[in-house]
Amino acid sequence: MGRISGKAESALIVHEIMSVLRVGAAGQGYSAQGASWYLFGSVISSPEAAQDIDLLIVCASDEIAIRIRVGLPEIASRLPLHTLIMTHEEEAELDFIRGQKCVLIYPDCVKGCVFTA
């Protein structure tokens, strides 16, 4: 059997990353805090060349952002994360999700995200 390559390999890399992040988010109870997690940057555009994982977390308030940041070291110990946390208002002002072509991975995408490399 041959080695997986190209688009299939890229999709596999991203799905593995998504899986680790979803498990970490669920374990920390972030959905109860109303936070949404997104991937963006090179991990989406060229996963095989990505040096780190750009993660955006959008939440309701600064207080929730602080609670999320406290729980991130456990997840970050398994992945080379660069994390950006914004409130809903900050994200709306910057239109970051659309501008950076972020891909939702948690919580709404728990049952099967569509990713095409």
C-alpha atoms as a PDB file:
ATOM      1  CA  MET A   1       0.000   0.000   0.000  1.00  0.00           C
ATOM      2  CA  GLY A   2       1.365   3.447  -0.951  1.00  0.00           C
ATOM      3  CA  ARG A   3       1.965   6.541   1.090  1.00  0.00           C
ATOM      4  CA  ILE A   4      -0.824   9.128   1.396  1.00  0.00           C
ATOM      5  CA  SER A   5       0.221  12.336  -0.339  1.00  0.00           C
ATOM      6  CA  GLY A   6      -0.960  15.669  -1.654  1.00  0.00           C
ATOM      7  CA  LYS A   7      -4.440  16.870  -0.779  1.00  0.00           C
ATOM      8  CA  ALA A   8      -5.337  13.705   1.118  1.00  0.00           C
ATOM      9  CA  GLU A   9      -2.280  14.060   3.361  1.00  0.00           C
ATOM     10  CA  SER A  10      -3.024  17.754   3.973  1.00  0.00           C
ATOM     11  CA  ALA A  11      -6.615  16.952   4.902  1.00  0.00           C
ATOM     12  CA  LEU A  12      -5.419  14.200   7.252  1.00  0.00           C
ATOM     13  CA  ILE A  13      -3.010  16.588   8.997  1.00  0.00           C
ATOM     14  CA  VAL A  14      -5.744  19.188   9.534  1.00  0.00           C
ATOM     15  CA  HIS A  15      -8.262  16.610  10.746  1.00  0.00           C
ATOM     16  CA  GLU A  16      -5.754  15.270  13.287  1.00  0.00           C
ATOM     17  CA  ILE A  17      -5.121  18.805  14.572  1.00  0.00           C
ATOM     18  CA  MET A  18      -8.868  19.479  14.730  1.00  0.00           C
ATOM     19  CA  SER A  19      -9.390  16.289  16.694  1.00  0.00           C
ATOM     20  CA  VAL A  20      -6.786  17.188  19.335  1.00  0.00           C
ATOM     21  CA  LEU A  21      -8.175  20.717  19.667  1.00  0.00           C
ATOM     22  CA  ARG A  22     -11.809  19.553  19.894  1.00  0.00           C
ATOM     23  CA  VAL A  23     -10.983  17.028  22.609  1.00  0.00           C
ATOM     24  CA  GLY A  24      -9.056  19.688  24.513  1.00  0.00           C
ATOM     25  CA  ALA A  25     -11.838  22.241  24.174  1.00  0.00           C
ATOM     26  CA  ALA A  26     -14.521  19.762  25.204  1.00  0.00           C
ATOM     27  CA  GLY A  27     -12.434  18.618  28.170  1.00  0.00           C
ATOM     28  CA  GLN A  28     -12.119  22.184  29.403  1.00  0.00           C
ATOM     29  CA  GLY A  29     -15.837  22.870  28.985  1.00  0.00           C
ATOM     30  CA  TYR A  30     -15.394  25.765  26.571  1.00  0.00           C
ATOM     31  CA  SER A  31     -18.740  25.173  24.881  1.00  0.00           C
ATOM     32  CA  ALA A  32     -20.447  25.959  28.158  1.00  0.00           C
ATOM     33  CA  GLN A  33     -18.646  29.286  28.069  1.00  0.00           C
ATOM     34  CA  GLY A  34     -19.997  29.982  24.561  1.00  0.00           C
ATOM     35  CA  ALA A  35     -16.579  30.051  22.919  1.00  0.00           C
ATOM     36  CA  SER A  36     -16.038  29.233  19.255  1.00  0.00           C
ATOM     37  CA  TRP A  37     -12.689  27.925  18.025  1.00  0.00           C
ATOM     38  CA  TYR A  38     -11.303  28.522  14.530  1.00  0.00           C
ATOM     39  CA  LEU A  39      -8.181  27.553  12.615  1.00  0.00           C
ATOM     40  CA  PHE A  40      -6.588  29.991  10.184  1.00  0.00           C
ATOM     41  CA  GLY A  41      -3.302  30.723   8.454  1.00  0.00           C
ATOM     42  CA  SER A  42      -0.853  28.227   7.033  1.00  0.00           C
ATOM     43  CA  VAL A  43      -2.386  25.262   8.850  1.00  0.00           C
ATOM     44  CA  ILE A  44      -5.386  25.774   6.534  1.00  0.00           C
ATOM     45  CA  SER A  45      -3.691  27.032   3.371  1.00  0.00           C
ATOM     46  CA  SER A  46      -0.682  24.662   3.339  1.00  0.00           C
ATOM     47  CA  PRO A  47      -0.779  22.302   6.338  1.00  0.00           C
ATOM     48  CA  GLU A  48       2.208  20.220   5.254  1.00  0.00           C
ATOM     49  CA  ALA A  49       4.412  23.344   5.464  1.00  0.00           C
ATOM     50  CA  ALA A  50       2.889  24.871   8.615  1.00  0.00           C
ATOM     51  CA  GLN A  51       5.358  25.561  11.419  1.00  0.00           C
ATOM     52  CA  ASP A  52       2.641  26.360  13.936  1.00  0.00           C
ATOM     53  CA  ILE A  53      -1.115  26.243  14.383  1.00  0.00           C
ATOM     54  CA  ASP A  54      -2.976  29.544  14.318  1.00  0.00           C
ATOM     55  CA  LEU A  55      -6.009  29.300  16.574  1.00  0.00           C
ATOM     56  CA  LEU A  56      -8.662  31.969  17.061  1.00  0.00           C
ATOM     57  CA  ILE A  57     -11.037  31.667  20.011  1.00  0.00           C
ATOM     58  CA  VAL A  58     -14.030  34.002  20.059  1.00  0.00           C
ATOM     59  CA  CYS A  59     -15.913  34.367  23.327  1.00  0.00           C
ATOM     60  CA  ALA A  60     -18.459  36.576  25.044  1.00  0.00           C
ATOM     61  CA  SER A  61     -16.338  38.615  27.456  1.00  0.00           C
ATOM     62  CA  ASP A  62     -12.881  39.466  28.754  1.00  0.00           C
ATOM     63  CA  GLU A  63     -13.605  37.422  31.889  1.00  0.00           C
ATOM     64  CA  ILE A  64     -14.277  34.314  29.822  1.00  0.00           C
ATOM     65  CA  ALA A  65     -11.149  35.015  27.749  1.00  0.00           C
ATOM     66  CA  ILE A  66      -9.096  34.959  30.952  1.00  0.00           C
ATOM     67  CA  ARG A  67     -10.623  31.615  32.002  1.00  0.00           C
ATOM     68  CA  ILE A  68      -9.903  30.167  28.570  1.00  0.00           C
ATOM     69  CA  ARG A  69      -6.295  31.378  28.619  1.00  0.00           C
ATOM     70  CA  VAL A  70      -5.754  29.635  31.990  1.00  0.00           C
ATOM     71  CA  GLY A  71      -6.784  26.294  30.451  1.00  0.00           C
ATOM     72  CA  LEU A  72      -4.727  26.591  27.262  1.00  0.00           C
ATOM     73  CA  PRO A  73      -1.295  25.436  28.504  1.00  0.00           C
ATOM     74  CA  GLU A  74      -2.509  21.838  28.726  1.00  0.00           C
ATOM     75  CA  ILE A  75      -3.628  21.888  25.084  1.00  0.00           C
ATOM     76  CA  ALA A  76      -0.608  23.913  23.960  1.00  0.00           C
ATOM     77  CA  SER A  77       1.728  21.321  25.466  1.00  0.00           C
ATOM     78  CA  ARG A  78       0.624  18.942  22.685  1.00  0.00           C
ATOM     79  CA  LEU A  79       0.595  21.360  19.745  1.00  0.00           C
ATOM     80  CA  PRO A  80       2.649  24.380  18.597  1.00  0.00           C
ATOM     81  CA  LEU A  81      -0.206  26.856  19.074  1.00  0.00           C
ATOM     82  CA  HIS A  82      -0.320  30.562  18.337  1.00  0.00           C
ATOM     83  CA  THR A  83      -3.550  31.585  20.000  1.00  0.00           C
ATOM     84  CA  LEU A  84      -5.576  34.736  19.528  1.00  0.00           C
ATOM     85  CA  ILE A  85      -8.569  35.274  21.821  1.00  0.00           C
ATOM     86  CA  MET A  86     -11.168  37.927  20.964  1.00  0.00           C
ATOM     87  CA  THR A  87     -14.575  38.853  22.241  1.00  0.00           C
ATOM     88  CA  HIS A  88     -17.490  38.730  19.800  1.00  0.00           C
ATOM     89  CA  GLU A  89     -17.419  42.528  19.639  1.00  0.00           C
ATOM     90  CA  GLU A  90     -13.699  42.647  18.819  1.00  0.00           C
ATOM     91  CA  GLU A  91     -14.080  40.038  16.105  1.00  0.00           C
ATOM     92  CA  ALA A  92     -17.042  41.890  14.574  1.00  0.00           C
ATOM     93  CA  GLU A  93     -15.092  45.153  14.538  1.00  0.00           C
ATOM     94  CA  LEU A  94     -12.120  43.538  12.777  1.00  0.00           C
ATOM     95  CA  ASP A  95     -14.136  41.092  10.659  1.00  0.00           C
ATOM     96  CA  PHE A  96     -11.287  38.704  11.415  1.00  0.00           C
ATOM     97  CA  ILE A  97     -13.062  35.433  10.649  1.00  0.00           C
ATOM     98  CA  ARG A  98     -14.020  36.444   7.136  1.00  0.00           C
ATOM     99  CA  GLY A  99     -10.817  38.358   6.449  1.00  0.00           C
ATOM    100  CA  GLN A 100      -8.547  35.481   7.474  1.00  0.00           C
ATOM    101  CA  LYS A 101     -10.826  32.757   6.057  1.00  0.00           C
ATOM    102  CA  CYS A 102     -11.028  31.056   9.446  1.00  0.00           C
ATOM    103  CA  VAL A 103     -12.445  27.529   9.648  1.00  0.00           C
ATOM    104  CA  LEU A 104     -14.758  26.753  12.568  1.00  0.00           C
ATOM    105  CA  ILE A 105     -13.666  23.647  14.446  1.00  0.00           C
ATOM    106  CA  TYR A 106     -15.508  23.905  17.770  1.00  0.00           C
ATOM    107  CA  PRO A 107     -18.256  23.585  18.939  1.00  0.00           C
ATOM    108  CA  ASP A 108     -20.498  23.607  15.859  1.00  0.00           C
ATOM    109  CA  CYS A 109     -18.205  21.440  13.804  1.00  0.00           C
ATOM    110  CA  VAL A 110     -17.983  18.495  16.188  1.00  0.00           C
ATOM    111  CA  LYS A 111     -19.758  16.009  13.888  1.00  0.00           C
ATOM    112  CA  GLY A 112     -17.737  16.518  10.744  1.00  0.00           C
ATOM    113  CA  CYS A 113     -15.999  19.526   9.317  1.00  0.00           C
ATOM    114  CA  VAL A 114     -15.477  19.935   5.629  1.00  0.00           C
ATOM    115  CA  PHE A 115     -11.875  20.781   4.786  1.00  0.00           C
ATOM    116  CA  THR A 116     -10.355  20.973   1.354  1.00  0.00           C
ATOM    117  CA  ALA A 117      -6.642  21.620   1.034  1.00  0.00           C
END
